């Protein structure tokens, strides 16, 4: 069996301490590494975000003082990180969704 090792393509955001706690940063790194390896993650770690686009999901990282979200898209050749933010409400803000769609459109235009 050949190991898949998709690169991470960062369109916006980063995972570093601070503002992430060390434990949350490590958890995010482990989950991202699993995605790079071809794993399909589900709840409670990841959920689909069809409102942003096809193959889009959000990683959920519960931290000491915040709940982090990492919006990503699974492409054939990469894991595209679209945004990283602290989520304070139950619903994803409309501006975040619109910004993510815009970033993905730009990315797709540049990589065609």
C-alpha atoms as a PDB file:
ATOM      1  CA  UNK A   1       0.000   0.000   0.000  1.00  0.00           C
ATOM      2  CA  UNK A   2       1.388   3.383  -1.042  1.00  0.00           C
ATOM      3  CA  UNK A   3       1.085   6.165   1.524  1.00  0.00           C
ATOM      4  CA  UNK A   4      -0.623   9.306   0.268  1.00  0.00           C
ATOM      5  CA  UNK A   5       1.061  12.506   1.363  1.00  0.00           C
ATOM      6  CA  UNK A   6      -0.910  15.430  -0.004  1.00  0.00           C
ATOM      7  CA  UNK A   7       0.642  18.838   0.602  1.00  0.00           C
ATOM      8  CA  UNK A   8      -1.168  21.464   2.655  1.00  0.00           C
ATOM      9  CA  UNK A   9      -1.932  24.604   0.640  1.00  0.00           C
ATOM     10  CA  UNK A  10      -2.579  27.542   2.989  1.00  0.00           C
ATOM     11  CA  UNK A  11      -4.785  30.271   1.522  1.00  0.00           C
ATOM     12  CA  UNK A  12      -5.291  32.034   4.854  1.00  0.00           C
ATOM     13  CA  UNK A  13      -4.574  31.515   8.514  1.00  0.00           C
ATOM     14  CA  UNK A  14      -2.056  29.596  10.550  1.00  0.00           C
ATOM     15  CA  UNK A  15      -1.943  27.247  13.490  1.00  0.00           C
ATOM     16  CA  UNK A  16       0.570  28.446  16.056  1.00  0.00           C
ATOM     17  CA  UNK A  17       0.970  28.947  19.788  1.00  0.00           C
ATOM     18  CA  UNK A  18      -0.324  31.484  20.757  1.00  0.00           C
ATOM     19  CA  UNK A  19      -3.214  31.959  20.078  1.00  0.00           C
ATOM     20  CA  UNK A  20      -3.732  28.164  19.995  1.00  0.00           C
ATOM     21  CA  UNK A  21      -2.710  26.374  23.178  1.00  0.00           C
ATOM     22  CA  UNK A  22       0.039  23.825  22.647  1.00  0.00           C
ATOM     23  CA  UNK A  23      -2.446  20.956  23.057  1.00  0.00           C
ATOM     24  CA  UNK A  24      -4.840  22.457  20.469  1.00  0.00           C
ATOM     25  CA  UNK A  25      -1.971  23.083  18.047  1.00  0.00           C
ATOM     26  CA  UNK A  26      -0.840  19.470  18.373  1.00  0.00           C
ATOM     27  CA  UNK A  27      -4.417  18.209  17.882  1.00  0.00           C
ATOM     28  CA  UNK A  28      -4.783  20.364  14.757  1.00  0.00           C
ATOM     29  CA  UNK A  29      -1.462  19.051  13.452  1.00  0.00           C
ATOM     30  CA  UNK A  30      -2.461  15.425  14.030  1.00  0.00           C
ATOM     31  CA  UNK A  31      -5.811  15.908  12.268  1.00  0.00           C
ATOM     32  CA  UNK A  32      -4.234  17.750   9.328  1.00  0.00           C
ATOM     33  CA  UNK A  33      -1.619  15.005   9.004  1.00  0.00           C
ATOM     34  CA  UNK A  34      -4.395  12.407   8.873  1.00  0.00           C
ATOM     35  CA  UNK A  35      -6.070  14.373   6.075  1.00  0.00           C
ATOM     36  CA  UNK A  36      -2.768  14.544   4.204  1.00  0.00           C
ATOM     37  CA  UNK A  37      -2.571  10.779   4.489  1.00  0.00           C
ATOM     38  CA  UNK A  38      -5.964  10.320   2.862  1.00  0.00           C
ATOM     39  CA  UNK A  39      -8.109   9.778   5.978  1.00  0.00           C
ATOM     40  CA  UNK A  40     -11.755  10.796   5.838  1.00  0.00           C
ATOM     41  CA  UNK A  41     -12.614  12.465   9.140  1.00  0.00           C
ATOM     42  CA  UNK A  42     -16.117  12.763  10.572  1.00  0.00           C
ATOM     43  CA  UNK A  43     -17.791  14.120  13.667  1.00  0.00           C
ATOM     44  CA  UNK A  44     -16.757  15.237  16.203  1.00  0.00           C
ATOM     45  CA  UNK A  45     -13.534  16.327  14.471  1.00  0.00           C
ATOM     46  CA  UNK A  46     -14.817  17.352  11.064  1.00  0.00           C
ATOM     47  CA  UNK A  47     -18.094  18.136   9.382  1.00  0.00           C
ATOM     48  CA  UNK A  48     -19.018  18.928   5.777  1.00  0.00           C
ATOM     49  CA  UNK A  49     -19.510  22.553   4.727  1.00  0.00           C
ATOM     50  CA  UNK A  50     -21.464  22.278   1.449  1.00  0.00           C
ATOM     51  CA  UNK A  51     -22.464  25.949   1.778  1.00  0.00           C
ATOM     52  CA  UNK A  52     -18.854  26.847   0.993  1.00  0.00           C
ATOM     53  CA  UNK A  53     -18.359  24.331  -1.793  1.00  0.00           C
ATOM     54  CA  UNK A  54     -17.909  20.742  -2.849  1.00  0.00           C
ATOM     55  CA  UNK A  55     -15.405  18.745  -0.773  1.00  0.00           C
ATOM     56  CA  UNK A  56     -15.277  21.543   1.860  1.00  0.00           C
ATOM     57  CA  UNK A  57     -15.246  20.732   5.564  1.00  0.00           C
ATOM     58  CA  UNK A  58     -14.399  22.315   8.891  1.00  0.00           C
ATOM     59  CA  UNK A  59     -12.088  20.858  11.486  1.00  0.00           C
ATOM     60  CA  UNK A  60     -13.267  21.514  15.021  1.00  0.00           C
ATOM     61  CA  UNK A  61     -10.591  22.093  17.657  1.00  0.00           C
ATOM     62  CA  UNK A  62     -11.794  22.743  21.208  1.00  0.00           C
ATOM     63  CA  UNK A  63      -9.205  24.783  23.080  1.00  0.00           C
ATOM     64  CA  UNK A  64      -8.925  26.194  26.604  1.00  0.00           C
ATOM     65  CA  UNK A  65     -10.423  29.608  25.817  1.00  0.00           C
ATOM     66  CA  UNK A  66     -11.753  29.208  22.275  1.00  0.00           C
ATOM     67  CA  UNK A  67     -13.211  26.826  19.766  1.00  0.00           C
ATOM     68  CA  UNK A  68     -11.133  26.890  16.588  1.00  0.00           C
ATOM     69  CA  UNK A  69     -12.326  26.102  13.090  1.00  0.00           C
ATOM     70  CA  UNK A  70     -10.118  25.210  10.168  1.00  0.00           C
ATOM     71  CA  UNK A  71     -12.010  25.351   6.881  1.00  0.00           C
ATOM     72  CA  UNK A  72     -10.455  23.019   4.312  1.00  0.00           C
ATOM     73  CA  UNK A  73     -11.147  21.439   0.939  1.00  0.00           C
ATOM     74  CA  UNK A  74      -9.985  17.994  -0.088  1.00  0.00           C
ATOM     75  CA  UNK A  75      -8.601  18.178  -3.616  1.00  0.00           C
ATOM     76  CA  UNK A  76      -7.105  15.238  -5.503  1.00  0.00           C
ATOM     77  CA  UNK A  77      -3.617  16.707  -5.174  1.00  0.00           C
ATOM     78  CA  UNK A  78      -3.738  18.745  -1.920  1.00  0.00           C
ATOM     79  CA  UNK A  79      -5.535  19.663   1.276  1.00  0.00           C
ATOM     80  CA  UNK A  80      -6.426  23.331   0.766  1.00  0.00           C
ATOM     81  CA  UNK A  81      -6.663  25.318   4.013  1.00  0.00           C
ATOM     82  CA  UNK A  82      -9.121  28.115   3.305  1.00  0.00           C
ATOM     83  CA  UNK A  83      -9.406  29.797   6.716  1.00  0.00           C
ATOM     84  CA  UNK A  84      -8.569  29.425  10.414  1.00  0.00           C
ATOM     85  CA  UNK A  85     -10.657  31.294  12.956  1.00  0.00           C
ATOM     86  CA  UNK A  86     -12.062  31.239  16.461  1.00  0.00           C
ATOM     87  CA  UNK A  87     -15.766  30.475  16.435  1.00  0.00           C
ATOM     88  CA  UNK A  88     -17.847  32.181  19.086  1.00  0.00           C
ATOM     89  CA  UNK A  89     -21.376  31.424  17.875  1.00  0.00           C
ATOM     90  CA  UNK A  90     -23.194  28.300  16.767  1.00  0.00           C
ATOM     91  CA  UNK A  91     -23.471  29.398  13.156  1.00  0.00           C
ATOM     92  CA  UNK A  92     -20.535  30.133  10.864  1.00  0.00           C
ATOM     93  CA  UNK A  93     -20.592  33.881  10.102  1.00  0.00           C
ATOM     94  CA  UNK A  94     -21.801  34.752   6.599  1.00  0.00           C
ATOM     95  CA  UNK A  95     -18.675  36.830   5.965  1.00  0.00           C
ATOM     96  CA  UNK A  96     -16.452  33.810   6.645  1.00  0.00           C
ATOM     97  CA  UNK A  97     -18.469  31.705   4.190  1.00  0.00           C
ATOM     98  CA  UNK A  98     -18.350  34.426   1.514  1.00  0.00           C
ATOM     99  CA  UNK A  99     -14.608  34.987   2.037  1.00  0.00           C
ATOM    100  CA  UNK A 100     -13.924  31.237   1.787  1.00  0.00           C
ATOM    101  CA  UNK A 101     -15.889  30.958  -1.470  1.00  0.00           C
ATOM    102  CA  UNK A 102     -13.981  33.926  -2.881  1.00  0.00           C
ATOM    103  CA  UNK A 103     -10.578  32.502  -1.900  1.00  0.00           C
ATOM    104  CA  UNK A 104     -11.428  29.137  -3.462  1.00  0.00           C
ATOM    105  CA  UNK A 105     -12.573  30.781  -6.715  1.00  0.00           C
ATOM    106  CA  UNK A 106      -9.285  32.702  -6.889  1.00  0.00           C
ATOM    107  CA  UNK A 107      -7.278  29.570  -6.093  1.00  0.00           C
ATOM    108  CA  UNK A 108      -9.098  27.556  -8.755  1.00  0.00           C
ATOM    109  CA  UNK A 109      -8.498  30.274 -11.367  1.00  0.00           C
ATOM    110  CA  UNK A 110      -4.785  30.377 -10.571  1.00  0.00           C
ATOM    111  CA  UNK A 111      -4.306  26.612 -10.589  1.00  0.00           C
ATOM    112  CA  UNK A 112      -6.191  25.697 -13.771  1.00  0.00           C
END
